[in-house]
C-alpha atoms as a PDB file:
ATOM      1  CA  MET A   1       5.137  -6.748  -9.278  1.00  0.00           C
ATOM      2  CA  VAL A   2       4.888  -3.683  -6.861  1.00  0.00           C
ATOM      3  CA  GLU A   3       6.784  -4.168  -3.687  1.00  0.00           C
ATOM      4  CA  VAL A   4       4.675  -3.176  -0.579  1.00  0.00           C
ATOM      5  CA  SER A   5       7.447  -1.524   1.118  1.00  0.00           C
ATOM      6  CA  LYS A   6       7.696   1.041  -1.578  1.00  0.00           C
ATOM      7  CA  VAL A   7       4.358   2.254  -1.671  1.00  0.00           C
ATOM      8  CA  LYS A   8       3.875   5.834  -0.819  1.00  0.00           C
ATOM      9  CA  GLN A   9       0.321   6.259  -0.791  1.00  0.00           C
ATOM     10  CA  CYS A  10      -2.813   4.280   0.551  1.00  0.00           C
ATOM     11  CA  PRO A  11      -4.455   2.378  -2.324  1.00  0.00           C
ATOM     12  CA  GLU A  12      -7.729   2.959  -0.519  1.00  0.00           C
ATOM     13  CA  CYS A  13      -7.990   6.316   0.097  1.00  0.00           C
ATOM     14  CA  GLY A  14      -4.990   7.792  -1.473  1.00  0.00           C
ATOM     15  CA  SER A  15      -3.436   9.168   1.937  1.00  0.00           C
ATOM     16  CA  ASN A  16      -0.074   9.791   2.202  1.00  0.00           C
ATOM     17  CA  ASN A  17      -0.111   9.007   5.784  1.00  0.00           C
ATOM     18  CA  VAL A  18       1.172   5.282   5.530  1.00  0.00           C
ATOM     19  CA  ARG A  19       3.607   3.149   7.406  1.00  0.00           C
ATOM     20  CA  TYR A  20       5.534  -0.050   6.628  1.00  0.00           C
ATOM     21  CA  GLU A  21       5.918  -2.769   9.370  1.00  0.00           C
ATOM     22  CA  GLU A  22       9.012  -4.703   7.593  1.00  0.00           C
ATOM     23  CA  LYS A  23       8.465  -7.613  10.630  1.00  0.00           C
ATOM     24  CA  GLU A  24       5.010  -7.880   9.284  1.00  0.00           C
ATOM     25  CA  ASP A  25       5.248  -7.013   5.489  1.00  0.00           C
ATOM     26  CA  LYS A  26       2.331  -5.118   5.717  1.00  0.00           C
ATOM     27  CA  LEU A  27       1.567  -1.486   4.780  1.00  0.00           C
ATOM     28  CA  TYR A  28      -0.770   0.614   7.224  1.00  0.00           C
ATOM     29  CA  CYS A  29      -3.022   3.459   6.557  1.00  0.00           C
ATOM     30  CA  ASN A  30      -2.808   5.881   9.590  1.00  0.00           C
ATOM     31  CA  ASP A  31      -5.960   7.433   8.035  1.00  0.00           C
ATOM     32  CA  CYS A  32      -8.451   5.205   6.816  1.00  0.00           C
ATOM     33  CA  GLY A  33      -7.130   1.989   8.873  1.00  0.00           C
ATOM     34  CA  GLU A  34      -6.665  -0.067   6.108  1.00  0.00           C
ATOM     35  CA  ILE A  35      -3.973  -2.746   6.418  1.00  0.00           C
ATOM     36  CA  PHE A  36      -2.167  -4.431   3.264  1.00  0.00           C
ATOM     37  CA  ALA A  37      -0.272  -7.903   3.310  1.00  0.00           C
ATOM     38  CA  LYS A  38       0.330  -9.717   0.301  1.00  0.00           C
ATOM     39  CA  LEU A  39      -1.388  -8.066  -2.906  1.00  0.00           C
ATOM     40  CA  THR A  40      -4.194  -9.967  -5.111  1.00  0.00           C
ATOM     41  CA  PRO A  41      -3.488  -8.778  -8.667  1.00  0.00           C
ATOM     42  CA  LYS A  42      -6.715  -6.525  -8.413  1.00  0.00           C
ATOM     43  CA  GLN A  43      -4.974  -4.751  -5.340  1.00  0.00           C
ATOM     44  CA  GLU A  44      -1.847  -4.516  -7.004  1.00  0.00           C
ATOM     45  CA  GLU A  45      -3.571  -3.009 -10.086  1.00  0.00           C
ATOM     46  CA  LYS A  46      -5.491  -0.634  -7.984  1.00  0.00           C
ATOM     47  CA  LEU A  47      -1.981   0.123  -6.048  1.00  0.00           C
ATOM     48  CA  GLU A  48      -0.163   1.050  -9.058  1.00  0.00           C
ATOM     49  CA  ARG A  49      -2.774   3.527 -10.253  1.00  0.00           C
ATOM     50  CA  VAL A  50      -2.085   5.860  -6.828  1.00  0.00           C
ATOM     51  CA  SER A  51       1.412   4.925  -6.396  1.00  0.00           C
ATOM     52  CA  ASP A  52       4.557   6.195  -7.969  1.00  0.00           C
ATOM     53  CA  VAL A  53       6.406   3.358  -7.491  1.00  0.00           C
ATOM     54  CA  ILE A  54       5.739   1.914 -11.482  1.00  0.00           C
END
């Protein structure tokens, strides 16, 4: 399982311009505006492809 707090790229657009808000346990992309919280298995798979956390 990928921890959202360790993601370095947006799973939607691939941008490195992301921030993690610990209080909300959400990842925000400052470029495309996507907000990611608890991930579905499909989102986790997509995230693993664009992130170097695996």
